[in-house]
Amino acid sequence: MNTAQVLVELLKAYKVQHIFGVPGDTTMHFYDALYAARDDIQHIMARDERSAAFMADTYARLSHRPGITEAPSGGGATYVIPGIAEANGSSVPMIVFTSDVPVVDEGKGTLTAIDQARLLEAATKWRGVVKRPSMLPDIVQRAFRAATTGRGGVAHIVLPEDVLGEELPSPALHAEEACTVYPAYRTQAPRVALEAILDALLKASRPLIIAGGGAVLSGAWDEITALAERLHIPVATTINGKGSINEMHPWSVGVIGGNGARPYANQLMAEADCIFYLGSKVNSLTTLKGTVPAPTATVLQLNVDPLELGNNVPATVAACGDIKESLAALLELISQRSISAPQRSVTPEKLEELAAPFWEAVARNATRPDVPVVPQRIIETLWQHTPEDVVVVADPGTMTPFTASQFRTRRPGRSVVIPRAHGGLGYALPATVGAYYARPGERIVGLVGDGSFGMSGTELATIGMLKLPITLIHFNNGSFGWIKMLQHLYYGQRYLSVDFTGKMDAATVAEGFGVRGIRITHPDQLVDAITEGLASNEPVFIDVHTRSELDEVPPVHAWQQALSQR
């Protein structure tokens, strides 16, 4: 077998079933090997390498298997960076293969040549270059191990074209079974640290759990829910942490922080005398630019990455370990000590009372007849008419804060995907493809901004060609609304290069790619359009003209503060 064929056999051994990518000159040996294995591994052709990486990113988030993407040399290696940077920044395990010019052409100025390992270094966790066929098995094994262990991330393998075509006699095809899924090789926090955490939680009067993306990546929702129930502690999440608990659970309070928070959740965070951060970076959004937690609050932190412990907020007790494994040990300590739930100043009844004004406002907005349509009505209509097993993928911008605050998950585990590491536009539309292949039995909905549509709208061709039963809702407000709001609030309403001239008929564009388009001219049409899309066995694109951020301010803490001071 040549090196490319051995690579495909290794991928099969690692139980890889889907690869997202774009063909190129230097990748032909690999594609020929994939053709021979097409009954075992499906290659999904994207129209852009960035989109292919977004697909692999979402696939990994929803399947708990490392996402696989590939790109050719030159432009392919440069285009793939945004997608892998988002995955790496969100600690999502991914393997990216980039083919390269032949090793013998190094330094000769060959067309498409660039130092790929150096180029992608800032966007990856680990890198390897296969300069000889015999290096391949070890490099592949290290890549899967790097991607799936500790804090997850992107492993990058460079495959020179000539090496791909060379023979590799008697190859070792061993796959590390533990690294076919993630997290691999879980670690448990030290018992002494867990005992200190438990003592602090029992001592507190108003404790709060804040679960970040690491909690979902760890699959720790059962343990978090059990901890909340056993010790009577409310659970809030970051946006990436949505899914750490079923948001319909009486101890769930939803998203906190500077973007997409429910006001009462931020109030609970500000008043907490003990905060337990689980798998969170505790960044400026989570801490409202360092204004919380209160100086007198006890800070507990559990993270698989020791570099995050006490990094932004000094921790009273810090513990390094896998969230699921460590919380299971914490729950065992509670059982061993026969601890019953302590009296708390916050109860489920109190939480319901605090939440009531927010949900009353949601209900009012859900019936507003405004044209253009208010985003809140779209989100609430979607929530009211989707099943429990829906998966929602949202773009940055308008969709993020409204989805984060309003769209309640009805089950634990990840069912809402929003790119938070870099917030790159163009994410949601291609990402729904990865979502479909990760969860083929579930309904997939993409919330697409018009700014994002301009960047990745051609992936409608991918969705249309594959006839994937995906529902896309296009929030069409005619601008880069987020940036326009910043110019409105902080730059004297000096608007520059944020408005789109003319009216794009996005539904007709979708139809041109073989996707059924529906135009919404009045909010009363939303229910029929959404239910029709969800019932369809083919893709449906719903174009909704929406009010912009200037007219309908989303739940962004800094913006609401700035407006309240005027």
Protein backbone atom coordinates (compact mmCIF):
# COMPACT_ATOMS: atom_id res chain seq x y z
CA MET A 1 0.00 0.00 0.00
CA ASN A 2 1.08 3.57 -0.55
CA THR A 3 1.08 6.09 2.29
CA ALA A 4 -2.30 7.52 1.34
CA GLN A 5 -3.88 4.06 1.46
CA VAL A 6 -2.28 3.34 4.82
CA LEU A 7 -3.66 6.67 6.11
CA VAL A 8 -7.18 5.67 5.12
CA GLU A 9 -6.77 2.29 6.81
CA LEU A 10 -5.62 4.07 9.97
CA LEU A 11 -8.65 6.36 9.85
CA LYS A 12 -10.89 3.33 9.55
CA ALA A 13 -9.12 1.80 12.56
CA TYR A 14 -9.92 5.02 14.47
CA LYS A 15 -13.58 4.54 13.49
CA VAL A 16 -13.67 7.66 11.34
CA GLN A 17 -16.86 7.70 9.27
CA HIS A 18 -16.95 11.26 7.89
CA ILE A 19 -14.34 13.62 6.47
CA PHE A 20 -15.11 17.19 5.43
CA GLY A 21 -12.93 18.81 2.81
CA VAL A 22 -12.17 20.30 -0.60
CA PRO A 23 -10.06 18.62 -3.31
CA GLY A 24 -6.78 19.99 -4.65
CA ASP A 25 -3.83 19.00 -6.82
CA THR A 26 -1.65 17.78 -3.97
CA THR A 27 -4.39 15.67 -2.41
CA MET A 28 -5.06 13.30 -5.31
CA HIS A 29 -3.37 10.23 -3.79
CA PHE A 30 -5.49 10.69 -0.65
CA TYR A 31 -8.70 11.09 -2.64
CA ASP A 32 -7.97 7.98 -4.67
CA ALA A 33 -7.51 6.03 -1.43
CA LEU A 34 -10.76 7.48 -0.05
CA TYR A 35 -12.55 6.43 -3.23
CA ALA A 36 -11.57 2.82 -2.59
CA ALA A 37 -12.89 3.12 0.99
CA ARG A 38 -16.07 5.03 0.12
CA ASP A 39 -18.28 2.33 1.67
CA ASP A 40 -16.58 2.89 5.04
CA ILE A 41 -15.75 6.60 5.08
CA GLN A 42 -17.97 9.28 3.56
CA HIS A 43 -16.21 12.34 2.22
CA ILE A 44 -18.39 15.45 2.32
CA MET A 45 -17.27 17.99 -0.26
CA ALA A 46 -17.59 21.58 0.93
CA ARG A 47 -17.27 24.63 -1.34
CA ASP A 48 -14.68 26.30 0.90
CA GLU A 49 -12.04 24.90 3.27
CA ARG A 50 -13.15 27.24 6.04
CA SER A 51 -16.66 25.82 5.74
CA ALA A 52 -15.31 22.27 5.77
CA ALA A 53 -13.57 23.00 9.06
CA PHE A 54 -16.76 24.52 10.51
CA MET A 55 -18.55 21.31 9.53
CA ALA A 56 -15.92 19.17 11.26
CA ASP A 57 -16.01 21.42 14.33
CA THR A 58 -19.76 21.04 14.84
CA TYR A 59 -19.60 17.33 14.02
CA ALA A 60 -17.08 16.90 16.85
CA ARG A 61 -19.10 18.98 19.33
CA LEU A 62 -22.21 16.88 18.76
CA SER A 63 -20.77 13.39 18.22
CA HIS A 64 -18.05 13.33 20.91
CA ARG A 65 -15.68 12.03 18.26
CA PRO A 66 -12.80 14.09 16.84
CA GLY A 67 -13.84 15.97 13.70
CA ILE A 68 -11.79 15.33 10.57
CA THR A 69 -11.14 17.95 7.90
CA GLU A 70 -8.67 18.10 5.02
CA ALA A 71 -7.38 20.79 2.67
CA PRO A 72 -4.89 21.01 -0.18
CA SER A 73 -1.72 23.07 -0.30
CA GLY A 74 -1.58 26.80 -0.94
CA GLY A 75 -4.96 28.46 -0.75
CA GLY A 76 -6.51 25.45 0.94
CA ALA A 77 -4.09 25.61 3.85
CA THR A 78 -4.70 29.34 4.25
CA TYR A 79 -8.50 29.11 3.93
CA VAL A 80 -8.88 26.38 6.56
CA ILE A 81 -7.47 28.51 9.38
CA PRO A 82 -10.68 30.25 10.61
CA GLY A 83 -12.46 26.94 11.10
CA ILE A 84 -9.66 25.20 12.95
CA ALA A 85 -8.95 28.31 15.05
CA GLU A 86 -12.56 28.29 16.27
CA ALA A 87 -12.36 24.60 17.17
CA ASN A 88 -9.00 24.94 18.90
CA GLY A 89 -10.08 28.02 20.83
CA SER A 90 -13.20 26.17 21.98
CA SER A 91 -11.15 23.08 22.98
CA VAL A 92 -12.93 20.93 20.37
CA PRO A 93 -10.94 17.85 19.25
CA MET A 94 -10.20 17.91 15.53
CA ILE A 95 -7.65 16.44 13.13
CA VAL A 96 -6.77 18.57 10.10
CA PHE A 97 -4.81 17.09 7.21
CA THR A 98 -3.19 19.47 4.72
CA SER A 99 -1.44 18.06 1.70
CA ASP A 100 1.72 19.85 0.58
CA VAL A 101 4.14 20.17 -2.29
CA PRO A 102 6.64 17.31 -2.60
CA VAL A 103 9.45 17.14 -0.06
CA VAL A 104 11.97 17.22 -2.90
CA ASP A 105 10.61 20.65 -3.91
CA GLU A 106 11.18 22.29 -0.52
CA GLY A 107 12.86 25.67 -0.89
CA LYS A 108 12.44 25.80 -4.68
CA GLY A 109 9.62 28.34 -4.81
CA THR A 110 7.18 25.71 -6.04
CA LEU A 111 3.63 26.92 -6.71
CA THR A 112 1.45 26.72 -3.52
CA ALA A 113 4.46 26.09 -1.25
CA ILE A 114 4.26 27.61 2.23
CA ASP A 115 5.47 26.53 5.67
CA GLN A 116 2.15 24.96 6.66
CA ALA A 117 3.17 23.86 10.16
CA ARG A 118 4.33 27.37 10.98
CA LEU A 119 1.27 28.93 9.29
CA LEU A 120 -1.20 26.93 11.37
CA GLU A 121 0.81 26.89 14.60
CA ALA A 122 -1.20 29.60 16.38
CA ALA A 123 -4.49 27.86 15.54
CA THR A 124 -3.57 24.31 16.60
CA LYS A 125 -2.64 22.34 19.70
CA TRP A 126 -0.20 19.92 18.04
CA ARG A 127 1.52 19.56 14.66
CA GLY A 128 3.39 16.87 12.72
CA VAL A 129 4.94 16.62 9.24
CA VAL A 130 5.13 13.23 7.50
CA LYS A 131 8.46 13.48 5.68
CA ARG A 132 8.85 9.73 5.22
CA PRO A 133 6.15 7.04 4.81
CA SER A 134 7.36 5.18 7.89
CA MET A 135 6.55 8.23 10.06
CA LEU A 136 2.83 8.14 9.28
CA PRO A 137 1.46 5.60 11.82
CA ASP A 138 3.20 7.21 14.79
CA ILE A 139 2.19 10.73 13.75
CA VAL A 140 -1.46 9.75 13.27
CA GLN A 141 -1.50 8.08 16.68
CA ARG A 142 0.03 11.16 18.34
CA ALA A 143 -2.42 13.43 16.58
CA PHE A 144 -5.49 11.58 17.84
CA ARG A 145 -3.99 11.42 21.33
CA ALA A 146 -3.20 15.14 21.34
CA ALA A 147 -6.65 16.11 20.09
CA THR A 148 -8.65 14.01 22.54
CA THR A 149 -6.69 14.20 25.81
CA GLY A 150 -6.44 16.91 28.45
CA ARG A 151 -7.81 20.14 27.10
CA GLY A 152 -8.97 19.14 23.62
CA GLY A 153 -7.90 20.91 20.47
CA VAL A 154 -6.77 20.64 16.87
CA ALA A 155 -3.96 18.36 15.73
CA HIS A 156 -2.46 19.20 12.33
CA ILE A 157 -0.75 16.72 10.03
CA VAL A 158 1.12 17.88 6.90
CA LEU A 159 1.17 15.33 4.08
CA PRO A 160 3.66 16.06 1.24
CA GLU A 161 2.37 14.92 -2.13
CA ASP A 162 5.29 12.66 -3.00
CA VAL A 163 5.22 10.93 0.40
CA LEU A 164 1.50 10.16 -0.06
CA GLY A 165 2.33 8.24 -3.22
CA GLU A 166 5.28 6.26 -1.85
CA GLU A 167 4.95 2.62 -0.81
CA LEU A 168 4.85 1.74 2.88
CA PRO A 169 5.62 -1.97 3.33
CA SER A 170 4.32 -3.79 6.42
CA PRO A 171 2.65 -0.75 8.00
CA ALA A 172 1.58 -0.77 11.65
CA LEU A 173 -2.17 -0.15 11.68
CA HIS A 174 -2.68 0.04 15.44
CA ALA A 175 -5.31 2.51 16.63
CA GLU A 176 -5.53 3.73 20.20
CA GLU A 177 -9.08 2.72 21.13
CA ALA A 178 -9.36 5.29 23.93
CA CYS A 179 -8.70 8.14 21.46
CA THR A 180 -11.52 7.28 19.06
CA VAL A 181 -13.77 9.42 21.32
CA TYR A 182 -13.15 12.23 23.78
CA PRO A 183 -12.23 12.97 26.49
CA ALA A 184 -9.64 10.19 26.44
CA TYR A 185 -7.68 9.19 29.55
CA ARG A 186 -9.76 11.16 32.05
CA THR A 187 -8.03 12.38 35.20
CA GLN A 188 -9.58 12.87 38.64
CA ALA A 189 -8.92 15.89 40.83
CA PRO A 190 -7.13 15.16 44.13
CA ARG A 191 -9.38 14.03 46.96
CA VAL A 192 -8.07 16.72 49.31
CA ALA A 193 -9.11 19.44 46.86
CA LEU A 194 -12.55 17.86 46.38
CA GLU A 195 -13.04 17.71 50.15
CA ALA A 196 -12.16 21.41 50.42
CA ILE A 197 -14.62 22.23 47.63
CA LEU A 198 -17.37 20.25 49.35
CA ASP A 199 -16.75 21.99 52.67
CA ALA A 200 -16.96 25.40 50.98
CA LEU A 201 -20.21 24.52 49.21
CA LEU A 202 -21.77 23.34 52.46
CA LYS A 203 -20.70 26.48 54.30
CA ALA A 204 -22.14 28.87 51.70
CA SER A 205 -25.56 30.47 51.98
CA ARG A 206 -25.94 31.53 48.34
CA PRO A 207 -23.72 29.23 46.23
CA LEU A 208 -23.89 29.16 42.44
CA ILE A 209 -22.48 26.68 39.95
CA ILE A 210 -21.27 28.20 36.66
CA ALA A 211 -20.62 25.54 34.01
CA GLY A 212 -18.54 26.40 30.96
CA GLY A 213 -17.78 24.69 27.69
CA GLY A 214 -15.43 22.25 29.38
CA ALA A 215 -18.32 20.79 31.34
CA VAL A 216 -20.20 19.94 28.14
CA LEU A 217 -17.07 18.62 26.42
CA SER A 218 -16.57 16.36 29.44
CA GLY A 219 -20.17 15.10 29.22
CA ALA A 220 -20.71 15.99 32.88
CA TRP A 221 -24.39 16.97 32.76
CA ASP A 222 -25.63 14.03 34.86
CA GLU A 223 -23.10 14.78 37.60
CA ILE A 224 -23.83 18.53 37.55
CA THR A 225 -27.56 17.89 37.81
CA ALA A 226 -27.03 15.44 40.66
CA LEU A 227 -24.80 17.91 42.51
CA ALA A 228 -27.43 20.66 42.16
CA GLU A 229 -30.13 18.35 43.49
CA ARG A 230 -28.07 16.90 46.33
CA LEU A 231 -26.76 20.24 47.65
CA HIS A 232 -29.55 22.57 46.44
CA ILE A 233 -27.35 24.78 44.25
CA PRO A 234 -28.59 26.75 41.21
CA VAL A 235 -26.72 26.05 37.97
CA ALA A 236 -25.88 28.81 35.49
CA THR A 237 -23.86 28.34 32.32
CA THR A 238 -21.78 30.27 29.85
CA ILE A 239 -22.97 30.21 26.23
CA ASN A 240 -20.59 27.34 25.44
CA GLY A 241 -21.80 25.65 28.62
CA LYS A 242 -25.43 25.43 27.47
CA GLY A 243 -26.32 21.77 27.87
CA SER A 244 -24.52 21.32 31.18
CA ILE A 245 -28.01 20.92 32.63
CA ASN A 246 -31.48 20.61 31.15
CA GLU A 247 -32.62 24.25 31.15
CA MET A 248 -36.15 23.18 32.10
CA HIS A 249 -34.78 21.77 35.38
CA PRO A 250 -35.90 23.71 38.49
CA TRP A 251 -32.28 24.38 39.53
CA SER A 252 -31.28 25.77 36.11
CA VAL A 253 -31.02 29.56 35.75
CA GLY A 254 -29.71 29.81 32.19
CA VAL A 255 -26.83 31.79 30.72
CA ILE A 256 -24.88 34.38 32.69
CA GLY A 257 -22.35 37.01 31.63
CA GLY A 258 -22.01 39.84 29.17
CA ASN A 259 -23.74 38.28 26.16
CA GLY A 260 -27.06 36.44 26.16
CA ALA A 261 -27.61 36.43 29.91
CA ARG A 262 -30.94 36.45 31.64
CA PRO A 263 -30.96 39.45 34.04
CA TYR A 264 -31.94 37.38 37.05
CA ALA A 265 -29.08 34.96 36.37
CA ASN A 266 -26.58 37.82 36.45
CA GLN A 267 -28.24 39.04 39.65
CA LEU A 268 -27.74 35.62 41.27
CA MET A 269 -24.09 35.66 40.16
CA ALA A 270 -23.52 39.11 41.67
CA GLU A 271 -25.14 38.10 44.97
CA ALA A 272 -23.50 34.67 45.30
CA ASP A 273 -21.25 34.16 48.31
CA CYS A 274 -19.65 31.11 46.67
CA ILE A 275 -19.17 30.42 42.94
CA PHE A 276 -18.08 27.02 41.65
CA TYR A 277 -16.64 27.37 38.13
CA LEU A 278 -16.67 24.14 36.12
CA GLY A 279 -14.66 24.00 32.90
CA SER A 280 -14.84 27.75 32.38
CA LYS A 281 -12.11 30.18 31.34
CA VAL A 282 -13.71 32.74 33.70
CA ASN A 283 -13.05 35.42 31.10
CA SER A 284 -14.22 39.03 30.89
CA LEU A 285 -17.67 38.09 29.57
CA THR A 286 -18.23 35.62 32.39
CA THR A 287 -17.09 38.09 35.04
CA LEU A 288 -18.76 41.16 33.47
CA LYS A 289 -15.33 42.70 32.96
CA GLY A 290 -14.09 41.73 36.40
CA THR A 291 -17.02 43.13 38.39
CA VAL A 292 -18.06 39.70 39.65
CA PRO A 293 -17.66 37.63 41.72
CA ALA A 294 -17.96 39.86 44.77
CA PRO A 295 -14.62 40.45 46.57
CA THR A 296 -15.92 38.55 49.61
CA ALA A 297 -17.15 35.53 47.62
CA THR A 298 -15.48 32.14 47.86
CA VAL A 299 -14.22 31.06 44.43
CA LEU A 300 -13.97 27.36 43.60
CA GLN A 301 -12.59 26.19 40.28
CA LEU A 302 -12.37 22.80 38.58
CA ASN A 303 -10.73 22.58 35.17
CA VAL A 304 -8.90 19.96 33.15
CA ASP A 305 -6.34 22.60 32.14
CA PRO A 306 -4.16 23.73 35.08
CA LEU A 307 -3.25 26.94 33.22
CA GLU A 308 -6.86 28.14 33.64
CA LEU A 309 -6.87 27.73 37.43
CA GLY A 310 -6.83 31.16 39.05
CA ASN A 311 -5.86 32.71 35.73
CA ASN A 312 -8.41 35.55 35.74
CA VAL A 313 -9.96 35.34 39.22
CA PRO A 314 -7.99 34.18 42.30
CA ALA A 315 -9.36 30.82 43.38
CA THR A 316 -9.98 29.97 47.02
CA VAL A 317 -9.81 26.28 46.08
CA ALA A 318 -8.54 25.16 42.67
CA ALA A 319 -8.59 21.58 41.41
CA CYS A 320 -7.27 20.12 38.18
CA GLY A 321 -9.15 17.21 36.66
CA ASP A 322 -11.78 16.05 34.22
CA ILE A 323 -15.14 17.57 35.15
CA LYS A 324 -17.23 14.38 34.88
CA GLU A 325 -14.69 12.15 36.61
CA SER A 326 -14.02 14.65 39.40
CA LEU A 327 -17.68 15.45 40.08
CA ALA A 328 -18.45 11.74 40.28
CA ALA A 329 -15.81 11.53 43.02
CA LEU A 330 -17.32 14.59 44.72
CA LEU A 331 -20.76 12.98 44.71
CA GLU A 332 -19.23 9.85 46.22
CA LEU A 333 -17.80 11.98 49.03
CA ILE A 334 -21.28 13.38 49.68
CA SER A 335 -22.65 9.84 49.93
CA GLN A 336 -19.82 8.67 52.19
CA ARG A 337 -20.42 11.56 54.57
CA SER A 338 -24.21 11.05 54.45
CA ILE A 339 -24.74 14.74 53.73
CA SER A 340 -28.29 15.97 53.38
CA ALA A 341 -29.14 19.11 51.44
CA PRO A 342 -28.48 22.23 53.53
CA GLN A 343 -30.91 25.10 53.92
CA ARG A 344 -30.39 27.74 51.24
CA SER A 345 -31.64 31.29 50.82
CA VAL A 346 -32.41 30.46 47.17
CA THR A 347 -34.95 27.73 46.41
CA PRO A 348 -36.57 26.56 43.16
CA GLU A 349 -39.65 28.58 44.12
CA LYS A 350 -37.49 31.67 44.61
CA LEU A 351 -35.79 31.07 41.25
CA GLU A 352 -39.16 30.84 39.55
CA GLU A 353 -40.20 34.11 41.17
CA LEU A 354 -37.00 35.85 40.06
CA ALA A 355 -37.39 34.53 36.51
CA ALA A 356 -41.04 35.50 36.10
CA PRO A 357 -40.53 39.08 34.78
CA PHE A 358 -38.06 37.84 32.15
CA TRP A 359 -40.39 35.15 30.83
CA GLU A 360 -43.34 37.53 30.87
CA ALA A 361 -41.34 39.84 28.58
CA VAL A 362 -40.52 36.88 26.33
CA ALA A 363 -44.22 36.04 26.10
CA ARG A 364 -45.08 39.63 25.16
CA ASN A 365 -42.42 39.75 22.48
CA ALA A 366 -43.62 36.42 21.09
CA THR A 367 -46.88 38.03 19.98
CA ARG A 368 -45.57 41.37 18.71
CA PRO A 369 -46.88 42.12 15.20
CA ASP A 370 -43.89 44.28 14.20
CA VAL A 371 -42.72 44.32 10.60
CA PRO A 372 -39.77 43.81 10.21
CA VAL A 373 -40.05 40.92 12.65
CA VAL A 374 -38.46 41.17 16.09
CA PRO A 375 -35.82 38.45 16.66
CA GLN A 376 -37.39 37.46 19.98
CA ARG A 377 -40.54 36.32 18.20
CA ILE A 378 -38.55 34.11 15.85
CA ILE A 379 -36.67 32.42 18.69
CA GLU A 380 -39.78 31.86 20.80
CA THR A 381 -41.81 30.58 17.84
CA LEU A 382 -38.99 28.19 17.02
CA TRP A 383 -38.82 26.97 20.62
CA GLN A 384 -42.58 26.46 20.84
CA HIS A 385 -42.64 24.32 17.68
CA THR A 386 -39.50 22.20 17.92
CA PRO A 387 -39.17 18.75 19.49
CA GLU A 388 -36.94 17.91 22.41
CA ASP A 389 -34.27 16.46 20.15
CA VAL A 390 -33.75 19.55 18.00
CA VAL A 391 -30.21 20.82 17.40
CA VAL A 392 -29.81 24.57 16.91
CA VAL A 393 -26.69 26.08 15.35
CA ALA A 394 -26.50 29.88 15.55
CA ASP A 395 -24.25 32.46 13.96
CA PRO A 396 -22.54 35.21 15.94
CA GLY A 397 -24.36 38.55 15.97
CA THR A 398 -28.09 38.97 16.52
CA MET A 399 -28.76 35.27 16.86
CA THR A 400 -26.29 34.61 19.68
CA PRO A 401 -27.70 36.65 22.60
CA PHE A 402 -31.34 35.93 21.78
CA THR A 403 -30.69 32.20 21.36
CA ALA A 404 -28.55 32.04 24.49
CA SER A 405 -31.12 33.73 26.70
CA GLN A 406 -34.43 32.54 25.25
CA PHE A 407 -33.97 29.12 23.66
CA ARG A 408 -34.29 26.68 26.57
CA THR A 409 -32.74 23.27 26.11
CA ARG A 410 -35.18 20.51 27.03
CA ARG A 411 -32.54 17.85 27.63
CA PRO A 412 -29.03 17.72 29.05
CA GLY A 413 -26.08 17.55 26.68
CA ARG A 414 -25.16 19.79 23.78
CA SER A 415 -28.05 20.74 21.54
CA VAL A 416 -27.17 24.41 20.93
CA VAL A 417 -23.94 25.25 19.09
CA ILE A 418 -22.61 28.81 18.92
CA PRO A 419 -18.98 29.70 18.01
CA ARG A 420 -17.60 31.64 20.96
CA ALA A 421 -13.81 31.39 20.66
CA HIS A 422 -13.51 33.79 17.74
CA GLY A 423 -17.09 34.49 16.71
CA GLY A 424 -16.32 34.23 13.02
CA LEU A 425 -19.15 35.06 10.65
CA GLY A 426 -20.22 32.40 8.19
CA TYR A 427 -20.31 29.60 10.76
CA ALA A 428 -23.88 28.38 11.13
CA LEU A 429 -24.85 27.53 7.57
CA PRO A 430 -21.98 25.08 6.88
CA ALA A 431 -21.96 23.93 10.50
CA THR A 432 -25.46 22.50 10.09
CA VAL A 433 -23.96 19.98 7.67
CA GLY A 434 -21.62 18.70 10.37
CA ALA A 435 -24.54 18.69 12.80
CA TYR A 436 -26.59 16.52 10.46
CA TYR A 437 -23.89 13.87 10.11
CA ALA A 438 -23.26 13.87 13.87
CA ARG A 439 -26.98 13.55 14.71
CA PRO A 440 -28.73 12.18 11.59
CA GLY A 441 -31.84 11.19 13.53
CA GLU A 442 -32.48 14.67 14.93
CA ARG A 443 -33.92 17.87 13.48
CA ILE A 444 -31.22 20.40 12.59
CA VAL A 445 -31.93 24.15 12.54
CA GLY A 446 -29.48 26.85 11.49
CA LEU A 447 -29.93 30.48 12.53
CA VAL A 448 -28.09 32.45 9.87
CA GLY A 449 -27.24 36.15 9.87
CA ASP A 450 -27.22 38.08 6.61
CA GLY A 451 -23.60 39.12 7.19
CA SER A 452 -22.70 35.48 7.63
CA PHE A 453 -24.78 34.51 4.59
CA GLY A 454 -22.59 36.76 2.46
CA MET A 455 -19.54 34.78 3.57
CA SER A 456 -20.73 31.17 3.38
CA GLY A 457 -24.00 31.23 1.44
CA THR A 458 -22.50 29.08 -1.30
CA GLU A 459 -22.61 26.13 1.08
CA LEU A 460 -26.29 26.03 0.20
CA ALA A 461 -24.93 24.16 -2.81
CA THR A 462 -23.57 21.47 -0.47
CA ILE A 463 -26.85 21.22 1.44
CA GLY A 464 -28.90 21.23 -1.76
CA MET A 465 -26.76 18.64 -3.51
CA LEU A 466 -26.94 16.28 -0.53
CA LYS A 467 -30.65 17.07 0.04
CA LEU A 468 -30.12 17.27 3.78
CA PRO A 469 -33.30 17.82 5.86
CA ILE A 470 -32.01 21.04 7.43
CA THR A 471 -34.10 24.11 8.27
CA LEU A 472 -32.29 27.42 7.86
CA ILE A 473 -33.75 30.66 9.24
CA HIS A 474 -32.17 33.78 7.76
CA PHE A 475 -32.17 36.91 9.98
CA ASN A 476 -32.13 39.56 7.28
CA ASN A 477 -31.65 43.05 8.75
CA GLY A 478 -29.57 44.53 5.92
CA SER A 479 -26.42 45.29 7.88
CA PHE A 480 -23.51 44.13 9.95
CA GLY A 481 -25.81 44.90 12.84
CA TRP A 482 -23.41 44.16 15.69
CA ILE A 483 -20.80 46.58 14.36
CA LYS A 484 -23.42 49.18 13.54
CA MET A 485 -24.61 49.03 17.15
CA LEU A 486 -21.06 49.69 18.37
CA GLN A 487 -20.85 52.71 16.07
CA HIS A 488 -24.25 53.83 17.36
CA LEU A 489 -23.37 53.57 21.06
CA TYR A 490 -19.72 54.51 21.23
CA TYR A 491 -18.77 56.36 18.02
CA GLY A 492 -21.35 59.11 17.71
CA GLN A 493 -23.54 57.24 15.20
CA ARG A 494 -20.85 57.60 12.54
CA TYR A 495 -21.87 54.60 10.45
CA LEU A 496 -19.33 53.39 7.94
CA SER A 497 -19.36 50.22 5.82
CA VAL A 498 -22.01 48.46 7.87
CA ASP A 499 -25.13 48.73 5.69
CA PHE A 500 -25.87 46.48 2.73
CA THR A 501 -27.13 48.41 -0.28
CA GLY A 502 -30.20 47.11 -2.07
CA LYS A 503 -32.40 44.21 -1.02
CA MET A 504 -31.12 40.69 -1.49
CA ASP A 505 -33.74 38.10 -2.34
CA ALA A 506 -32.13 35.39 -0.23
CA ALA A 507 -34.98 32.91 -0.79
CA THR A 508 -34.41 33.04 -4.54
CA VAL A 509 -30.67 32.58 -4.00
CA ALA A 510 -31.44 29.46 -1.97
CA GLU A 511 -33.72 28.14 -4.70
CA GLY A 512 -30.90 28.61 -7.19
CA PHE A 513 -28.90 26.11 -5.16
CA GLY A 514 -31.71 23.57 -5.05
CA VAL A 515 -33.02 24.54 -1.60
CA ARG A 516 -36.66 25.47 -1.13
CA GLY A 517 -36.99 29.14 -0.24
CA ILE A 518 -39.78 30.69 1.87
CA ARG A 519 -40.21 34.46 2.27
CA ILE A 520 -41.67 35.83 5.49
CA THR A 521 -43.39 39.19 5.10
CA HIS A 522 -45.41 39.08 8.32
CA PRO A 523 -44.70 37.40 11.70
CA ASP A 524 -47.96 35.47 11.53
CA GLN A 525 -46.36 33.39 8.77
CA LEU A 526 -43.59 32.10 11.06
CA VAL A 527 -45.43 29.15 12.58
CA ASP A 528 -46.42 27.61 9.25
CA ALA A 529 -42.96 28.16 7.76
CA ILE A 530 -41.09 26.69 10.71
CA THR A 531 -43.38 23.66 11.11
CA GLU A 532 -43.22 23.05 7.37
CA GLY A 533 -39.44 23.22 7.42
CA LEU A 534 -39.12 20.85 10.36
CA ALA A 535 -41.49 18.35 8.74
CA SER A 536 -39.68 18.36 5.40
CA ASN A 537 -37.33 15.62 4.29
CA GLU A 538 -35.41 18.18 2.24
CA PRO A 539 -33.70 21.48 3.08
CA VAL A 540 -35.79 24.59 3.62
CA PHE A 541 -34.50 28.18 3.75
CA ILE A 542 -36.73 30.72 5.53
CA ASP A 543 -35.86 34.36 4.80
CA VAL A 544 -37.15 36.72 7.52
CA HIS A 545 -36.69 40.48 7.40
CA THR A 546 -35.85 41.35 11.01
CA ARG A 547 -35.36 44.44 13.09
CA SER A 548 -31.73 45.37 13.64
CA GLU A 549 -29.88 45.66 16.94
CA LEU A 550 -30.39 49.43 16.89
CA ASP A 551 -34.16 48.99 16.97
CA GLU A 552 -34.31 45.86 19.12
CA VAL A 553 -31.42 45.80 21.57
CA PRO A 554 -30.35 42.22 22.37
CA PRO A 555 -29.42 41.08 25.90
CA VAL A 556 -25.84 42.37 25.83
CA HIS A 557 -24.91 43.67 29.26
CA ALA A 558 -22.61 46.51 28.19
CA TRP A 559 -25.10 47.84 25.62
CA GLN A 560 -27.99 47.80 28.04
CA GLN A 561 -25.84 49.60 30.62
CA ALA A 562 -24.79 52.23 28.09
CA LEU A 563 -28.40 52.87 27.05
CA SER A 564 -29.61 53.06 30.66
CA GLN A 565 -27.09 55.84 31.35
CA ARG A 566 -28.40 58.03 28.53
